[in-house]
C-alpha cells in the first residue's frame, strides 16, 4: 500500500519544490502576523503534503486557514467559494455521515490522484490566507 511506505525521493522532492514555489510566489505579497503555533503548523502542513498524506493535508490546511483568518479578523484573503469548499471537505472528513464516508480505505488505492488534487487546492488556499494580498491605497497610488 503506497501511503504506508515512504514516498519515493523524487516524489518527495517534486512535492517539496511545488510547495516551496507556491509559498515563494505568494510570500512576495507580504505576510500577516503569524503566531508561533501557526508558523509551526505551516511546517507540519509541508511535511504531511510531502509525505502524501492527502486527507491530513486538507484537515491541517483548514485549521491553518481558520486560525489565521480569526487572528487577522478577515476571511477575505481567499475567495469565499474556496473557503466554503475547504471547510466543507474538512467537516466531511471529521464528521462522517453514516453510510456516506467521504474517504474510504479503497480511496487509498483508487483515488490518490483526486485526493492529491484536493490537497494541492487546500495548500493553495492556506497559503493565500497566510500571505494575503496587500490592499492598494488608491488615494496614495500605492500599497498600504
Protein backbone atom coordinates (compact mmCIF):
# COMPACT_ATOMS: atom_id res chain seq x y z
CA UNK A 1 0.00 0.00 0.00
CA UNK A 2 1.70 3.15 -1.24
CA UNK A 3 0.74 5.51 1.57
CA UNK A 4 2.30 3.31 4.24
CA UNK A 5 5.68 3.29 2.51
CA UNK A 6 7.85 6.37 2.47
CA UNK A 7 7.38 8.33 -0.75
CA UNK A 8 9.95 7.90 -3.47
CA UNK A 9 12.66 10.56 -3.13
CA UNK A 10 11.66 12.05 -6.49
CA UNK A 11 8.02 12.31 -5.38
CA UNK A 12 9.08 13.96 -2.12
CA UNK A 13 11.28 16.44 -3.98
CA UNK A 14 8.58 17.27 -6.53
CA UNK A 15 6.07 17.91 -3.76
CA UNK A 16 8.55 19.93 -1.70
CA UNK A 17 9.52 22.06 -4.69
CA UNK A 18 5.87 22.63 -5.64
CA UNK A 19 5.02 23.70 -2.07
CA UNK A 20 8.05 25.98 -1.84
CA UNK A 21 7.33 27.55 -5.24
CA UNK A 22 3.75 28.30 -4.20
CA UNK A 23 4.92 29.74 -0.91
CA UNK A 24 7.64 31.86 -2.56
CA UNK A 25 5.18 33.22 -5.13
CA UNK A 26 2.60 34.20 -2.51
CA UNK A 27 5.04 35.35 0.18
CA UNK A 28 6.15 38.14 -2.15
CA UNK A 29 2.83 39.77 -1.16
CA UNK A 30 3.98 40.06 2.43
CA UNK A 31 2.77 38.14 5.42
CA UNK A 32 0.16 38.71 8.02
CA UNK A 33 1.07 38.21 11.62
CA UNK A 34 1.68 34.53 12.15
CA UNK A 35 1.73 33.16 15.64
CA UNK A 36 4.43 30.74 16.68
CA UNK A 37 1.88 27.92 16.50
CA UNK A 38 0.64 28.97 13.04
CA UNK A 39 4.22 29.02 11.82
CA UNK A 40 4.82 25.57 13.26
CA UNK A 41 1.61 24.29 11.68
CA UNK A 42 2.83 25.55 8.29
CA UNK A 43 5.90 23.34 8.72
CA UNK A 44 3.61 20.43 9.60
CA UNK A 45 1.50 21.18 6.53
CA UNK A 46 4.53 20.93 4.28
CA UNK A 47 5.56 17.67 5.96
CA UNK A 48 2.20 15.95 5.54
CA UNK A 49 1.91 17.25 1.98
CA UNK A 50 5.36 15.97 1.00
CA UNK A 51 4.58 12.63 2.61
CA UNK A 52 1.42 12.29 0.54
CA UNK A 53 -0.98 12.25 3.47
CA UNK A 54 -3.69 13.94 1.43
CA UNK A 55 -6.63 13.92 3.85
CA UNK A 56 -4.37 15.11 6.66
CA UNK A 57 -3.16 17.91 4.39
CA UNK A 58 -6.74 19.06 3.81
CA UNK A 59 -7.58 18.97 7.52
CA UNK A 60 -4.42 20.79 8.56
CA UNK A 61 -4.79 23.41 5.82
CA UNK A 62 -8.33 24.12 7.01
CA UNK A 63 -7.10 24.53 10.59
CA UNK A 64 -4.42 26.99 9.46
CA UNK A 65 -6.96 28.95 7.40
CA UNK A 66 -9.35 29.28 10.32
CA UNK A 67 -6.61 30.13 12.80
CA UNK A 68 -5.05 32.75 10.56
CA UNK A 69 -8.35 34.22 9.40
CA UNK A 70 -9.54 34.51 13.01
CA UNK A 71 -6.28 36.16 14.06
CA UNK A 72 -6.47 38.61 11.15
CA UNK A 73 -10.22 39.02 11.71
CA UNK A 74 -10.72 38.53 8.00
CA UNK A 75 -11.82 35.64 5.87
CA UNK A 76 -11.39 37.70 2.69
CA UNK A 77 -7.84 36.57 1.94
CA UNK A 78 -9.14 33.73 -0.23
CA UNK A 79 -12.24 33.57 -2.43
CA UNK A 80 -15.37 32.69 -0.46
CA UNK A 81 -16.08 29.72 -2.74
CA UNK A 82 -12.65 28.26 -1.98
CA UNK A 83 -13.12 28.77 1.75
CA UNK A 84 -16.54 27.08 1.63
CA UNK A 85 -15.09 24.14 -0.33
CA UNK A 86 -12.24 23.68 2.18
CA UNK A 87 -14.47 23.99 5.24
CA UNK A 88 -16.99 21.56 3.77
CA UNK A 89 -14.39 18.94 2.89
CA UNK A 90 -12.72 19.29 6.30
CA UNK A 91 -16.07 18.90 8.04
CA UNK A 92 -16.98 15.84 5.97
CA UNK A 93 -13.61 14.28 6.85
CA UNK A 94 -14.03 14.97 10.56
CA UNK A 95 -17.75 14.24 10.88
CA UNK A 96 -18.62 11.16 8.86
CA UNK A 97 -22.16 10.95 7.54
CA UNK A 98 -23.48 7.48 8.41
CA UNK A 99 -23.16 5.28 5.34
CA UNK A 100 -21.57 8.07 3.28
CA UNK A 101 -17.85 8.32 4.09
CA UNK A 102 -16.02 10.96 2.09
CA UNK A 103 -12.80 8.92 2.41
CA UNK A 104 -12.65 5.15 2.20
CA UNK A 105 -9.93 2.53 2.51
CA UNK A 106 -10.38 1.87 -1.20
CA UNK A 107 -9.62 5.53 -1.93
CA UNK A 108 -6.06 4.92 -0.77
CA UNK A 109 -5.64 2.66 -3.79
CA UNK A 110 -8.02 4.08 -6.36
CA UNK A 111 -8.42 7.79 -5.67
CA UNK A 112 -4.98 9.02 -4.64
CA UNK A 113 -4.80 11.33 -7.65
CA UNK A 114 -8.10 13.00 -6.76
CA UNK A 115 -7.08 13.37 -3.14
CA UNK A 116 -3.74 14.85 -4.20
CA UNK A 117 -5.60 17.47 -6.27
CA UNK A 118 -7.73 18.29 -3.24
CA UNK A 119 -4.61 18.56 -1.06
CA UNK A 120 -2.92 20.92 -3.52
CA UNK A 121 -6.04 23.07 -3.65
CA UNK A 122 -6.17 23.15 0.16
CA UNK A 123 -2.50 24.15 0.39
CA UNK A 124 -3.12 26.94 -2.11
CA UNK A 125 -5.99 28.27 -0.01
CA UNK A 126 -3.93 28.11 3.20
CA UNK A 127 -1.04 29.95 1.58
CA UNK A 128 -3.41 32.60 0.20
CA UNK A 129 -4.67 33.25 3.73
CA UNK A 130 -1.20 33.24 5.30
CA UNK A 131 0.13 35.55 2.57
CA UNK A 132 -2.81 37.84 1.75
CA UNK A 133 -2.66 40.45 -0.97
CA UNK A 134 -1.93 43.87 0.39
CA UNK A 135 -4.76 46.30 -0.23
CA UNK A 136 -3.97 49.10 -2.66
CA UNK A 137 -4.43 52.58 -1.28
CA UNK A 138 -5.94 54.32 -4.27
CA UNK A 139 -5.56 57.76 -2.67
CA UNK A 140 -1.80 57.45 -2.35
CA UNK A 141 -1.38 55.40 -5.52
CA UNK A 142 0.36 52.55 -3.78
CA UNK A 143 0.11 49.73 -1.26
CA UNK A 144 -0.92 50.26 2.32
